[in-house]
Full PDB file with SEQRES, HELIX, SHEET, SSBOND, CRYST1, ORIGX, SCALE, CONECT and MASTER records, all heavy atoms in Angstrom:
SEQRES   1 A   37  ASN SER ALA GLU LEU LYS LYS LEU LYS GLY ILE PHE LYS          
SEQRES   2 A   37  TYR LYS GLY PRO VAL VAL CYS GLU LEU MET ILE ASN PRO          
SEQRES   3 A   37  ASN GLN LEU MET LEU SER LYS TRP SER ALA GLY                  
HELIX    1 AA1 SER A    2  LYS A    7  5                                   6    
HELIX    2 AA2 LEU A    8  LYS A   13  1                                   6    
CRYST1    1.000    1.000    1.000  90.00  90.00  90.00 P 1           1          
ORIGX1      1.000000  0.000000  0.000000        0.00000                         
ORIGX2      0.000000  1.000000  0.000000        0.00000                         
ORIGX3      0.000000  0.000000  1.000000        0.00000                         
SCALE1      1.000000  0.000000  0.000000        0.00000                         
SCALE2      0.000000  1.000000  0.000000        0.00000                         
SCALE3      0.000000  0.000000  1.000000        0.00000                         
ATOM      1  N   ASN A   1       5.435   5.486   5.409  1.00  0.00           N  
ATOM      2  CA  ASN A   1       4.887   6.681   4.796  1.00  0.00           C  
ATOM      3  C   ASN A   1       5.245   6.686   3.332  1.00  0.00           C  
ATOM      4  O   ASN A   1       5.991   5.786   2.862  1.00  0.00           O  
ATOM      5  CB  ASN A   1       5.315   7.928   5.547  1.00  0.00           C  
ATOM      6  CG  ASN A   1       6.800   8.047   5.720  1.00  0.00           C  
ATOM      7  OD1 ASN A   1       7.521   7.675   4.788  1.00  0.00           O  
ATOM      8  ND2 ASN A   1       7.201   8.396   6.881  1.00  0.00           N  
ATOM      9  N   SER A   2       4.871   7.701   2.599  1.00  0.00           N  
ATOM     10  CA  SER A   2       5.079   7.831   1.216  1.00  0.00           C  
ATOM     11  C   SER A   2       6.584   7.867   0.868  1.00  0.00           C  
ATOM     12  O   SER A   2       6.970   7.302  -0.175  1.00  0.00           O  
ATOM     13  CB  SER A   2       4.357   9.109   0.655  1.00  0.00           C  
ATOM     14  OG  SER A   2       3.041   9.023   0.857  1.00  0.00           O  
ATOM     15  N   ALA A   3       7.366   8.423   1.743  1.00  0.00           N  
ATOM     16  CA  ALA A   3       8.816   8.467   1.462  1.00  0.00           C  
ATOM     17  C   ALA A   3       9.516   7.162   1.452  1.00  0.00           C  
ATOM     18  O   ALA A   3      10.574   6.997   0.713  1.00  0.00           O  
ATOM     19  CB  ALA A   3       9.394   9.352   2.568  1.00  0.00           C  
ATOM     20  N   GLU A   4       8.910   6.161   2.021  1.00  0.00           N  
ATOM     21  CA  GLU A   4       9.491   4.795   2.097  1.00  0.00           C  
ATOM     22  C   GLU A   4       8.984   3.913   0.886  1.00  0.00           C  
ATOM     23  O   GLU A   4       9.288   2.765   0.989  1.00  0.00           O  
ATOM     24  CB  GLU A   4       9.229   4.159   3.411  1.00  0.00           C  
ATOM     25  CG  GLU A   4       9.871   4.958   4.598  1.00  0.00           C  
ATOM     26  CD  GLU A   4       9.755   4.286   5.925  1.00  0.00           C  
ATOM     27  OE1 GLU A   4       9.023   3.292   6.039  1.00  0.00           O  
ATOM     28  OE2 GLU A   4      10.369   4.745   6.893  1.00  0.00           O  
ATOM     29  N   LEU A   5       8.249   4.544   0.093  1.00  0.00           N  
ATOM     30  CA  LEU A   5       7.658   3.545  -1.064  1.00  0.00           C  
ATOM     31  C   LEU A   5       8.774   3.082  -1.987  1.00  0.00           C  
ATOM     32  O   LEU A   5       8.673   2.185  -2.664  1.00  0.00           O  
ATOM     33  CB  LEU A   5       6.672   4.337  -1.833  1.00  0.00           C  
ATOM     34  CG  LEU A   5       5.145   4.570  -1.279  1.00  0.00           C  
ATOM     35  CD1 LEU A   5       4.392   5.519  -2.023  1.00  0.00           C  
ATOM     36  CD2 LEU A   5       4.545   3.071  -1.189  1.00  0.00           C  
ATOM     37  N   LYS A   6       9.912   3.708  -1.884  1.00  0.00           N  
ATOM     38  CA  LYS A   6      11.127   3.353  -2.698  1.00  0.00           C  
ATOM     39  C   LYS A   6      11.578   1.929  -2.322  1.00  0.00           C  
ATOM     40  O   LYS A   6      12.343   1.304  -3.005  1.00  0.00           O  
ATOM     41  CB  LYS A   6      12.216   4.341  -2.516  1.00  0.00           C  
ATOM     42  CG  LYS A   6      12.635   4.550  -1.012  1.00  0.00           C  
ATOM     43  CD  LYS A   6      13.725   5.575  -0.879  1.00  0.00           C  
ATOM     44  CE  LYS A   6      14.050   5.822   0.582  1.00  0.00           C  
ATOM     45  NZ  LYS A   6      15.029   7.008   0.779  1.00  0.00           N  
ATOM     46  N   LYS A   7      11.093   1.425  -1.151  1.00  0.00           N  
ATOM     47  CA  LYS A   7      11.451   0.084  -0.696  1.00  0.00           C  
ATOM     48  C   LYS A   7      10.864  -0.978  -1.652  1.00  0.00           C  
ATOM     49  O   LYS A   7      11.286  -2.179  -1.674  1.00  0.00           O  
ATOM     50  CB  LYS A   7      11.002  -0.127   0.720  1.00  0.00           C  
ATOM     51  CG  LYS A   7      11.694   0.644   1.842  1.00  0.00           C  
ATOM     52  CD  LYS A   7      11.229   0.317   3.215  1.00  0.00           C  
ATOM     53  CE  LYS A   7      11.934   1.018   4.245  1.00  0.00           C  
ATOM     54  NZ  LYS A   7      11.425   0.774   5.624  1.00  0.00           N  
ATOM     55  N   LEU A   8       9.816  -0.536  -2.338  1.00  0.00           N  
ATOM     56  CA  LEU A   8       9.108  -1.528  -3.252  1.00  0.00           C  
ATOM     57  C   LEU A   8      10.159  -2.132  -4.265  1.00  0.00           C  
ATOM     58  O   LEU A   8      10.023  -3.282  -4.724  1.00  0.00           O  
ATOM     59  CB  LEU A   8       7.976  -0.937  -4.044  1.00  0.00           C  
ATOM     60  CG  LEU A   8       6.657  -0.637  -3.166  1.00  0.00           C  
ATOM     61  CD1 LEU A   8       5.609   0.092  -4.001  1.00  0.00           C  
ATOM     62  CD2 LEU A   8       6.102  -2.007  -2.709  1.00  0.00           C  
ATOM     63  N   LYS A   9      11.130  -1.319  -4.754  1.00  0.00           N  
ATOM     64  CA  LYS A   9      12.085  -1.782  -5.718  1.00  0.00           C  
ATOM     65  C   LYS A   9      12.826  -2.915  -5.247  1.00  0.00           C  
ATOM     66  O   LYS A   9      13.090  -4.000  -5.966  1.00  0.00           O  
ATOM     67  CB  LYS A   9      12.996  -0.599  -6.124  1.00  0.00           C  
ATOM     68  CG  LYS A   9      13.937  -1.017  -7.206  1.00  0.00           C  
ATOM     69  CD  LYS A   9      14.873   0.259  -7.520  1.00  0.00           C  
ATOM     70  CE  LYS A   9      15.805  -0.145  -8.652  1.00  0.00           C  
ATOM     71  NZ  LYS A   9      16.695   1.106  -9.051  1.00  0.00           N  
ATOM     72  N   GLY A  10      13.282  -2.891  -3.880  1.00  0.00           N  
ATOM     73  CA  GLY A  10      14.051  -3.928  -3.351  1.00  0.00           C  
ATOM     74  C   GLY A  10      13.272  -5.245  -3.103  1.00  0.00           C  
ATOM     75  O   GLY A  10      13.687  -6.290  -3.203  1.00  0.00           O  
ATOM     76  N   ILE A  11      11.952  -4.978  -2.708  1.00  0.00           N  
ATOM     77  CA  ILE A  11      11.086  -6.018  -2.365  1.00  0.00           C  
ATOM     78  C   ILE A  11      10.890  -6.878  -3.706  1.00  0.00           C  
ATOM     79  O   ILE A  11      10.873  -8.099  -3.564  1.00  0.00           O  
ATOM     80  CB  ILE A  11       9.683  -5.515  -1.954  1.00  0.00           C  
ATOM     81  CG1 ILE A  11       9.762  -4.843  -0.544  1.00  0.00           C  
ATOM     82  CG2 ILE A  11       8.654  -6.613  -2.009  1.00  0.00           C  
ATOM     83  CD1 ILE A  11       8.644  -4.223   0.035  1.00  0.00           C  
ATOM     84  N   PHE A  12      10.784  -6.234  -4.860  1.00  0.00           N  
ATOM     85  CA  PHE A  12      10.472  -7.113  -6.039  1.00  0.00           C  
ATOM     86  C   PHE A  12      11.735  -7.535  -6.649  1.00  0.00           C  
ATOM     87  O   PHE A  12      11.750  -8.496  -7.472  1.00  0.00           O  
ATOM     88  CB  PHE A  12       9.652  -6.277  -7.037  1.00  0.00           C  
ATOM     89  CG  PHE A  12       8.213  -6.149  -6.722  1.00  0.00           C  
ATOM     90  CD1 PHE A  12       7.680  -5.154  -6.008  1.00  0.00           C  
ATOM     91  CD2 PHE A  12       7.364  -7.122  -7.117  1.00  0.00           C  
ATOM     92  CE1 PHE A  12       6.342  -5.138  -5.667  1.00  0.00           C  
ATOM     93  CE2 PHE A  12       5.973  -7.128  -6.861  1.00  0.00           C  
ATOM     94  CZ  PHE A  12       5.441  -5.986  -6.114  1.00  0.00           C  
ATOM     95  N   LYS A  13      12.843  -7.019  -6.293  1.00  0.00           N  
ATOM     96  CA  LYS A  13      14.218  -7.448  -6.719  1.00  0.00           C  
ATOM     97  C   LYS A  13      14.609  -8.770  -5.985  1.00  0.00           C  
ATOM     98  O   LYS A  13      15.209  -9.690  -6.541  1.00  0.00           O  
ATOM     99  CB  LYS A  13      15.290  -6.415  -6.501  1.00  0.00           C  
ATOM    100  CG  LYS A  13      16.649  -6.709  -7.188  1.00  0.00           C  
ATOM    101  CD  LYS A  13      17.505  -5.473  -7.090  1.00  0.00           C  
ATOM    102  CE  LYS A  13      18.852  -5.755  -7.809  1.00  0.00           C  
ATOM    103  NZ  LYS A  13      19.803  -4.559  -7.679  1.00  0.00           N  
ATOM    104  N   TYR A  14      14.078  -8.814  -4.697  1.00  0.00           N  
ATOM    105  CA  TYR A  14      14.364 -10.028  -3.926  1.00  0.00           C  
ATOM    106  C   TYR A  14      13.814 -11.187  -4.522  1.00  0.00           C  
ATOM    107  O   TYR A  14      12.553 -11.228  -4.715  1.00  0.00           O  
ATOM    108  CB  TYR A  14      13.898  -9.767  -2.466  1.00  0.00           C  
ATOM    109  CG  TYR A  14      14.457 -10.868  -1.517  1.00  0.00           C  
ATOM    110  CD1 TYR A  14      15.730 -10.972  -1.120  1.00  0.00           C  
ATOM    111  CD2 TYR A  14      13.395 -11.682  -0.941  1.00  0.00           C  
ATOM    112  CE1 TYR A  14      16.081 -11.961  -0.178  1.00  0.00           C  
ATOM    113  CE2 TYR A  14      13.662 -12.670  -0.102  1.00  0.00           C  
ATOM    114  CZ  TYR A  14      15.075 -12.841   0.404  1.00  0.00           C  
ATOM    115  OH  TYR A  14      15.411 -13.751   1.278  1.00  0.00           O  
ATOM    116  N   LYS A  15      14.452 -12.465  -4.691  1.00  0.00           N  
ATOM    117  CA  LYS A  15      13.844 -13.503  -5.245  1.00  0.00           C  
ATOM    118  C   LYS A  15      13.015 -14.394  -4.449  1.00  0.00           C  
ATOM    119  O   LYS A  15      12.267 -15.182  -4.922  1.00  0.00           O  
ATOM    120  CB  LYS A  15      15.051 -14.361  -5.811  1.00  0.00           C  
ATOM    121  CG  LYS A  15      15.824 -13.573  -7.000  1.00  0.00           C  
ATOM    122  CD  LYS A  15      16.880 -14.542  -7.555  1.00  0.00           C  
ATOM    123  CE  LYS A  15      17.601 -13.784  -8.716  1.00  0.00           C  
ATOM    124  NZ  LYS A  15      18.674 -14.620  -9.404  1.00  0.00           N  
ATOM    125  N   GLY A  16      13.089 -14.274  -3.178  1.00  0.00           N  
ATOM    126  CA  GLY A  16      12.285 -15.150  -2.239  1.00  0.00           C  
ATOM    127  C   GLY A  16      11.022 -14.438  -1.745  1.00  0.00           C  
ATOM    128  O   GLY A  16      10.701 -13.351  -2.185  1.00  0.00           O  
ATOM    129  N   PRO A  17      10.395 -15.137  -0.786  1.00  0.00           N  
ATOM    130  CA  PRO A  17       9.159 -14.483  -0.213  1.00  0.00           C  
ATOM    131  C   PRO A  17       9.500 -13.260   0.642  1.00  0.00           C  
ATOM    132  O   PRO A  17      10.467 -13.301   1.236  1.00  0.00           O  
ATOM    133  CB  PRO A  17       8.563 -15.599   0.646  1.00  0.00           C  
ATOM    134  CG  PRO A  17       9.596 -16.515   0.957  1.00  0.00           C  
ATOM    135  CD  PRO A  17      10.650 -16.432  -0.174  1.00  0.00           C  
ATOM    136  N   VAL A  18       8.622 -12.240   0.598  1.00  0.00           N  
ATOM    137  CA  VAL A  18       8.809 -11.046   1.369  1.00  0.00           C  
ATOM    138  C   VAL A  18       7.383 -10.706   1.954  1.00  0.00           C  
ATOM    139  O   VAL A  18       6.374 -10.732   1.261  1.00  0.00           O  
ATOM    140  CB  VAL A  18       9.291  -9.820   0.549  1.00  0.00           C  
ATOM    141  CG1 VAL A  18       9.456  -8.631   1.468  1.00  0.00           C  
ATOM    142  CG2 VAL A  18      10.627 -10.172  -0.169  1.00  0.00           C  
ATOM    143  N   VAL A  19       7.456 -10.234   3.230  1.00  0.00           N  
ATOM    144  CA  VAL A  19       6.265  -9.767   3.762  1.00  0.00           C  
ATOM    145  C   VAL A  19       6.470  -8.269   4.114  1.00  0.00           C  
ATOM    146  O   VAL A  19       7.400  -7.991   4.858  1.00  0.00           O  
ATOM    147  CB  VAL A  19       5.831 -10.499   5.141  1.00  0.00           C  
ATOM    148  CG1 VAL A  19       4.712  -9.781   5.824  1.00  0.00           C  
ATOM    149  CG2 VAL A  19       5.540 -12.003   4.900  1.00  0.00           C  
ATOM    150  N   CYS A  20       5.557  -7.495   3.594  1.00  0.00           N  
ATOM    151  CA  CYS A  20       5.747  -5.954   3.826  1.00  0.00           C  
ATOM    152  C   CYS A  20       4.553  -5.436   4.483  1.00  0.00           C  
ATOM    153  O   CYS A  20       3.485  -5.632   3.970  1.00  0.00           O  
ATOM    154  CB  CYS A  20       5.885  -5.296   2.407  1.00  0.00           C  
ATOM    155  SG  CYS A  20       6.036  -3.514   2.527  1.00  0.00           S  
ATOM    156  N   GLU A  21       4.749  -4.787   5.617  1.00  0.00           N  
ATOM    157  CA  GLU A  21       3.722  -4.269   6.379  1.00  0.00           C  
ATOM    158  C   GLU A  21       3.413  -2.773   5.959  1.00  0.00           C  
ATOM    159  O   GLU A  21       4.370  -2.002   6.023  1.00  0.00           O  
ATOM    160  CB  GLU A  21       3.932  -4.363   7.871  1.00  0.00           C  
ATOM    161  CG  GLU A  21       2.780  -3.991   8.792  1.00  0.00           C  
ATOM    162  CD  GLU A  21       3.066  -4.428  10.214  1.00  0.00           C  
ATOM    163  OE1 GLU A  21       4.242  -4.701  10.581  1.00  0.00           O  
ATOM    164  OE2 GLU A  21       2.038  -4.337  10.993  1.00  0.00           O  
ATOM    165  N   LEU A  22       2.286  -2.393   5.514  1.00  0.00           N  
ATOM    166  CA  LEU A  22       1.929  -1.137   5.227  1.00  0.00           C  
ATOM    167  C   LEU A  22       1.173  -0.419   6.373  1.00  0.00           C  
ATOM    168  O   LEU A  22       0.181  -0.924   6.811  1.00  0.00           O  
ATOM    169  CB  LEU A  22       1.036  -1.074   3.946  1.00  0.00           C  
ATOM    170  CG  LEU A  22       1.541  -1.924   2.696  1.00  0.00           C  
ATOM    171  CD1 LEU A  22       0.369  -1.946   1.613  1.00  0.00           C  
ATOM    172  CD2 LEU A  22       2.758  -1.213   2.142  1.00  0.00           C  
ATOM    173  N   MET A  23       1.841   0.663   6.882  1.00  0.00           N  
ATOM    174  CA  MET A  23       1.181   1.413   8.004  1.00  0.00           C  
ATOM    175  C   MET A  23       0.073   2.403   7.504  1.00  0.00           C  
ATOM    176  O   MET A  23       0.619   3.543   6.992  1.00  0.00           O  
ATOM    177  CB  MET A  23       2.196   2.047   8.828  1.00  0.00           C  
ATOM    178  CG  MET A  23       3.315   1.074   9.292  1.00  0.00           C  
ATOM    179  SD  MET A  23       2.676  -0.518   9.910  1.00  0.00           S  
ATOM    180  CE  MET A  23       2.051   0.026  11.468  1.00  0.00           C  
ATOM    181  N   ILE A  24      -1.054   2.118   7.453  1.00  0.00           N  
ATOM    182  CA  ILE A  24      -2.141   2.880   6.924  1.00  0.00           C  
ATOM    183  C   ILE A  24      -2.965   3.654   7.916  1.00  0.00           C  
ATOM    184  O   ILE A  24      -3.177   3.141   8.911  1.00  0.00           O  
ATOM    185  CB  ILE A  24      -3.123   2.016   6.052  1.00  0.00           C  
ATOM    186  CG1 ILE A  24      -2.285   1.254   4.868  1.00  0.00           C  
ATOM    187  CG2 ILE A  24      -4.188   2.802   5.417  1.00  0.00           C  
ATOM    188  CD1 ILE A  24      -2.986   0.201   4.244  1.00  0.00           C  
ATOM    189  N   ASN A  25      -3.290   4.869   7.642  1.00  0.00           N  
ATOM    190  CA  ASN A  25      -4.192   5.597   8.499  1.00  0.00           C  
ATOM    191  C   ASN A  25      -5.428   4.875   8.879  1.00  0.00           C  
ATOM    192  O   ASN A  25      -6.179   4.432   7.944  1.00  0.00           O  
ATOM    193  CB  ASN A  25      -4.574   6.985   7.832  1.00  0.00           C  
ATOM    194  CG  ASN A  25      -5.188   7.916   8.829  1.00  0.00           C  
ATOM    195  OD1 ASN A  25      -5.642   7.588   9.780  1.00  0.00           O  
ATOM    196  ND2 ASN A  25      -5.001   9.246   8.464  1.00  0.00           N  
ATOM    197  N   PRO A  26      -5.691   4.677  10.233  1.00  0.00           N  
ATOM    198  CA  PRO A  26      -6.919   3.914  10.639  1.00  0.00           C  
ATOM    199  C   PRO A  26      -8.264   4.588  10.073  1.00  0.00           C  
ATOM    200  O   PRO A  26      -9.293   4.043  10.000  1.00  0.00           O  
ATOM    201  CB  PRO A  26      -6.857   4.016  12.199  1.00  0.00           C  
ATOM    202  CG  PRO A  26      -5.456   4.211  12.492  1.00  0.00           C  
ATOM    203  CD  PRO A  26      -4.904   5.067  11.388  1.00  0.00           C  
ATOM    204  N   ASN A  27      -8.068   6.012   9.722  1.00  0.00           N  
ATOM    205  CA  ASN A  27      -9.171   6.742   9.190  1.00  0.00           C  
ATOM    206  C   ASN A  27      -8.961   7.066   7.741  1.00  0.00           C  
ATOM    207  O   ASN A  27      -9.337   8.103   7.247  1.00  0.00           O  
ATOM    208  CB  ASN A  27      -9.406   7.995  10.056  1.00  0.00           C  
ATOM    209  CG  ASN A  27      -9.701   7.626  11.485  1.00  0.00           C  
ATOM    210  OD1 ASN A  27     -10.654   6.879  11.789  1.00  0.00           O  
ATOM    211  ND2 ASN A  27      -9.021   8.293  12.457  1.00  0.00           N  
ATOM    212  N   GLN A  28      -8.377   6.122   7.006  1.00  0.00           N  
ATOM    213  CA  GLN A  28      -7.987   6.358   5.632  1.00  0.00           C  
ATOM    214  C   GLN A  28      -9.285   6.752   4.856  1.00  0.00           C  
ATOM    215  O   GLN A  28     -10.327   6.094   4.963  1.00  0.00           O  
ATOM    216  CB  GLN A  28      -7.468   5.054   5.041  1.00  0.00           C  
ATOM    217  CG  GLN A  28      -7.351   5.035   3.529  1.00  0.00           C  
ATOM    218  CD  GLN A  28      -6.221   5.868   2.880  1.00  0.00           C  
ATOM    219  OE1 GLN A  28      -5.038   5.777   3.403  1.00  0.00           O  
ATOM    220  NE2 GLN A  28      -6.609   6.773   2.051  1.00  0.00           N  
ATOM    221  N   LEU A  29      -9.218   7.798   4.067  1.00  0.00           N  
ATOM    222  CA  LEU A  29     -10.422   8.272   3.210  1.00  0.00           C  
ATOM    223  C   LEU A  29     -10.466   7.226   2.033  1.00  0.00           C  
ATOM    224  O   LEU A  29      -9.456   6.793   1.465  1.00  0.00           O  
ATOM    225  CB  LEU A  29     -10.187   9.617   2.705  1.00  0.00           C  
ATOM    226  CG  LEU A  29     -10.094  10.724   3.757  1.00  0.00           C  
ATOM    227  CD1 LEU A  29      -9.822  12.170   3.069  1.00  0.00           C  
ATOM    228  CD2 LEU A  29     -11.447  10.843   4.455  1.00  0.00           C  
ATOM    229  N   MET A  30     -11.600   6.913   1.631  1.00  0.00           N  
ATOM    230  CA  MET A  30     -11.930   5.960   0.500  1.00  0.00           C  
ATOM    231  C   MET A  30     -12.685   6.617  -0.561  1.00  0.00           C  
ATOM    232  O   MET A  30     -13.537   7.566  -0.350  1.00  0.00           O  
ATOM    233  CB  MET A  30     -12.607   4.711   1.083  1.00  0.00           C  
ATOM    234  CG  MET A  30     -11.834   4.024   2.109  1.00  0.00           C  
ATOM    235  SD  MET A  30     -10.516   2.979   1.435  1.00  0.00           S  
ATOM    236  CE  MET A  30     -11.499   1.631   0.877  1.00  0.00           C  
ATOM    237  N   LEU A  31     -12.716   6.063  -1.673  1.00  0.00           N  
ATOM    238  CA  LEU A  31     -13.549   6.522  -2.833  1.00  0.00           C  
ATOM    239  C   LEU A  31     -14.942   6.343  -2.452  1.00  0.00           C  
ATOM    240  O   LEU A  31     -15.430   5.337  -1.896  1.00  0.00           O  
ATOM    241  CB  LEU A  31     -13.248   5.546  -4.042  1.00  0.00           C  
ATOM    242  CG  LEU A  31     -13.664   6.006  -5.438  1.00  0.00           C  
ATOM    243  CD1 LEU A  31     -12.868   7.352  -5.770  1.00  0.00           C  
ATOM    244  CD2 LEU A  31     -13.396   4.928  -6.489  1.00  0.00           C  
ATOM    245  N   SER A  32     -15.801   7.405  -2.743  1.00  0.00           N  
ATOM    246  CA  SER A  32     -17.231   7.425  -2.356  1.00  0.00           C  
ATOM    247  C   SER A  32     -17.954   6.185  -2.989  1.00  0.00           C  
ATOM    248  O   SER A  32     -17.676   5.835  -4.195  1.00  0.00           O  
ATOM    249  CB  SER A  32     -17.917   8.640  -2.756  1.00  0.00           C  
ATOM    250  OG  SER A  32     -17.338   9.763  -2.072  1.00  0.00           O  
ATOM    251  N   LYS A  33     -18.859   5.559  -2.161  1.00  0.00           N  
ATOM    252  CA  LYS A  33     -19.620   4.477  -2.787  1.00  0.00           C  
ATOM    253  C   LYS A  33     -20.724   4.988  -3.690  1.00  0.00           C  
ATOM    254  O   LYS A  33     -21.368   5.940  -3.477  1.00  0.00           O  
ATOM    255  CB  LYS A  33     -20.268   3.654  -1.638  1.00  0.00           C  
ATOM    256  CG  LYS A  33     -19.322   2.734  -0.934  1.00  0.00           C  
ATOM    257  CD  LYS A  33     -19.990   1.726  -0.126  1.00  0.00           C  
ATOM    258  CE  LYS A  33     -19.002   0.727   0.453  1.00  0.00           C  
ATOM    259  NZ  LYS A  33     -19.624  -0.316   1.306  1.00  0.00           N  
ATOM    260  N   TRP A  34     -21.013   4.237  -4.702  1.00  0.00           N  
ATOM    261  CA  TRP A  34     -21.933   4.568  -5.731  1.00  0.00           C  
ATOM    262  C   TRP A  34     -23.336   3.949  -5.478  1.00  0.00           C  
ATOM    263  O   TRP A  34     -23.354   2.744  -5.011  1.00  0.00           O  
ATOM    264  CB  TRP A  34     -21.435   4.204  -7.167  1.00  0.00           C  
ATOM    265  CG  TRP A  34     -22.469   4.126  -8.266  1.00  0.00           C  
ATOM    266  CD1 TRP A  34     -22.866   5.178  -9.048  1.00  0.00           C  
ATOM    267  CD2 TRP A  34     -23.069   2.928  -8.694  1.00  0.00           C  
ATOM    268  NE1 TRP A  34     -23.709   4.719 -10.008  1.00  0.00           N  
ATOM    269  CE2 TRP A  34     -23.916   3.342  -9.810  1.00  0.00           C  
ATOM    270  CE3 TRP A  34     -23.135   1.598  -8.353  1.00  0.00           C  
ATOM    271  CZ2 TRP A  34     -24.740   2.416 -10.553  1.00  0.00           C  
ATOM    272  CZ3 TRP A  34     -23.925   0.684  -9.034  1.00  0.00           C  
ATOM    273  CH2 TRP A  34     -24.710   1.126 -10.063  1.00  0.00           C  
ATOM    274  N   SER A  35     -24.353   4.599  -5.817  1.00  0.00           N  
ATOM    275  CA  SER A  35     -25.623   4.016  -5.721  1.00  0.00           C  
ATOM    276  C   SER A  35     -26.346   4.267  -7.143  1.00  0.00           C  
ATOM    277  O   SER A  35     -26.103   5.248  -7.817  1.00  0.00           O  
ATOM    278  CB  SER A  35     -26.596   4.571  -4.659  1.00  0.00           C  
ATOM    279  OG  SER A  35     -27.804   3.783  -4.598  1.00  0.00           O  
ATOM    280  N   ALA A  36     -27.085   3.319  -7.618  1.00  0.00           N  
ATOM    281  CA  ALA A  36     -27.634   3.486  -9.069  1.00  0.00           C  
ATOM    282  C   ALA A  36     -28.279   4.787  -9.336  1.00  0.00           C  
ATOM    283  O   ALA A  36     -29.117   5.238  -8.564  1.00  0.00           O  
ATOM    284  CB  ALA A  36     -28.651   2.391  -9.364  1.00  0.00           C  
ATOM    285  N   GLY A  37     -27.870   5.496 -10.329  1.00  0.00           N  
ATOM    286  CA  GLY A  37     -28.483   6.768 -10.711  1.00  0.00           C  
ATOM    287  C   GLY A  37     -27.583   7.981 -10.340  1.00  0.00           C  
ATOM    288  O   GLY A  37     -27.905   9.074 -10.580  1.00  0.00           O  
TER     289      GLY A  37                                                      
MASTER        0    0    0    2    0    0    0    6  288    1    0    3          
END                                                                             
């Protein structure tokens, strides 16, 4: 969740490869799609 975004600092500080799993709402709202006009 949002409270755990602070983990990003350690991920980028670590010098080797890191895999980070983001637990996202299956019904995540998205930016509305545009159509011409």
